[in-house]
Amino acid sequence: MTRRLLPLMLFAVVALLAPGALGQEEAPAPAQTEEPAETVNVPEPAVEVNPAPPAAEEQAWTFRYLIPTSLLIAVVAVVGSIIAYFVKVVRTRYRVVQ
């Protein structure tokens, strides 16, 4: 078992270390020179207007009806399968001897 893992581990170590040894390292990003922006005299607004809060969007009909319906069907299916298992398997497992 260890004879099979040893070459695989050796290959993994070499694959991880080889790019650095071959000189394939990332080149540093060129420095960007920022030029000073021109200053513009902008007057302050006379009245500040706060943006209105976004209106609550009504949910789509698929979310309002299909999702709860599918969840209800899934719950009924799980409960029905539990009851069917109890009726078919557990009740017939033990018999009262008279």
Protein backbone atom coordinates (compact mmCIF):
# COMPACT_ATOMS: atom_id res chain seq x y z
CA MET A 1 0.00 0.00 0.00
CA THR A 2 2.75 2.44 0.92
CA ARG A 3 4.70 1.49 -2.22
CA ARG A 4 1.81 2.78 -4.32
CA LEU A 5 1.37 5.98 -2.32
CA LEU A 6 5.06 6.92 -2.24
CA PRO A 7 5.41 7.73 -5.99
CA LEU A 8 2.11 9.59 -5.95
CA MET A 9 3.17 11.72 -2.98
CA LEU A 10 6.59 12.34 -4.57
CA PHE A 11 4.91 13.47 -7.81
CA ALA A 12 2.60 15.82 -5.87
CA VAL A 13 5.53 17.44 -4.05
CA VAL A 14 7.49 17.89 -7.28
CA ALA A 15 4.44 19.34 -9.06
CA LEU A 16 3.95 21.88 -6.29
CA LEU A 17 7.57 22.95 -6.13
CA ALA A 18 8.47 22.82 -9.84
CA PRO A 19 6.88 26.11 -11.02
CA GLY A 20 8.86 28.10 -8.44
CA ALA A 21 12.09 26.32 -9.30
CA LEU A 22 11.66 26.87 -13.03
CA GLY A 23 11.25 30.61 -12.58
CA GLN A 24 7.56 30.78 -13.44
CA GLU A 25 6.65 33.24 -10.79
CA GLU A 26 4.18 36.06 -11.11
CA ALA A 27 5.61 39.31 -12.40
CA PRO A 28 4.89 42.34 -10.22
CA ALA A 29 2.11 44.57 -11.47
CA PRO A 30 3.31 47.77 -13.11
CA ALA A 31 3.00 50.82 -10.90
CA GLN A 32 0.22 53.13 -11.94
CA THR A 33 0.90 56.80 -11.82
CA GLU A 34 -2.01 58.86 -10.69
CA GLU A 35 -2.33 62.33 -12.07
CA PRO A 36 -3.94 64.91 -9.84
CA ALA A 37 -7.56 65.51 -10.80
CA GLU A 38 -8.61 68.99 -11.68
CA THR A 39 -10.51 70.69 -8.92
CA VAL A 40 -13.92 71.96 -9.88
CA ASN A 41 -15.85 74.41 -7.77
CA VAL A 42 -19.27 72.84 -7.34
CA PRO A 43 -21.78 74.75 -5.21
CA GLU A 44 -23.60 72.95 -2.43
CA PRO A 45 -27.26 72.16 -3.11
CA ALA A 46 -29.83 74.50 -1.57
CA VAL A 47 -32.03 71.66 -0.31
CA GLU A 48 -30.88 68.13 0.34
CA VAL A 49 -33.29 65.52 -0.96
CA ASN A 50 -33.19 62.11 0.68
CA PRO A 51 -33.85 59.25 -1.71
CA ALA A 52 -37.17 57.49 -1.15
CA PRO A 53 -36.95 54.00 0.34
CA PRO A 54 -37.57 51.26 -2.22
CA ALA A 55 -41.16 50.04 -2.37
CA ALA A 56 -41.80 46.51 -1.18
CA GLU A 57 -42.13 44.27 -4.21
CA GLU A 58 -44.95 41.76 -4.28
CA GLN A 59 -43.75 38.18 -4.50
CA ALA A 60 -44.38 36.28 -7.71
CA TRP A 61 -47.33 33.90 -7.85
CA THR A 62 -44.97 30.95 -8.23
CA PHE A 63 -43.38 31.73 -4.90
CA ARG A 64 -46.70 32.49 -3.23
CA TYR A 65 -48.55 29.34 -4.35
CA LEU A 66 -46.30 26.67 -5.84
CA ILE A 67 -43.63 26.61 -3.15
CA PRO A 68 -46.01 26.14 -0.18
CA THR A 69 -48.06 23.61 -2.18
CA SER A 70 -44.99 21.53 -3.06
CA LEU A 71 -43.80 21.66 0.56
CA LEU A 72 -47.21 20.47 1.75
CA ILE A 73 -47.22 17.61 -0.77
CA ALA A 74 -43.71 16.58 0.34
CA VAL A 75 -44.74 16.54 4.02
CA VAL A 76 -47.88 14.51 3.25
CA ALA A 77 -45.80 12.04 1.22
CA VAL A 78 -43.29 11.55 4.05
CA VAL A 79 -46.00 11.14 6.70
CA GLY A 80 -47.95 8.77 4.42
CA SER A 81 -44.88 6.60 3.81
CA ILE A 82 -44.19 6.41 7.55
CA ILE A 83 -47.78 5.31 8.22
CA ALA A 84 -47.67 2.77 5.35
CA TYR A 85 -44.40 1.33 6.70
CA PHE A 86 -45.92 0.95 10.15
CA VAL A 87 -49.04 -0.75 8.80
CA LYS A 88 -47.24 -3.14 6.44
CA VAL A 89 -44.08 -4.00 8.38
CA VAL A 90 -44.38 -3.33 12.08
CA ARG A 91 -47.91 -4.65 12.60
CA THR A 92 -47.13 -7.95 10.88
CA ARG A 93 -43.86 -8.42 12.73
CA TYR A 94 -45.40 -9.64 15.97
CA ARG A 95 -48.31 -12.03 16.33
CA VAL A 96 -50.15 -12.85 19.53
CA VAL A 97 -50.21 -16.58 20.18
CA GLN A 98 -53.40 -17.77 21.87
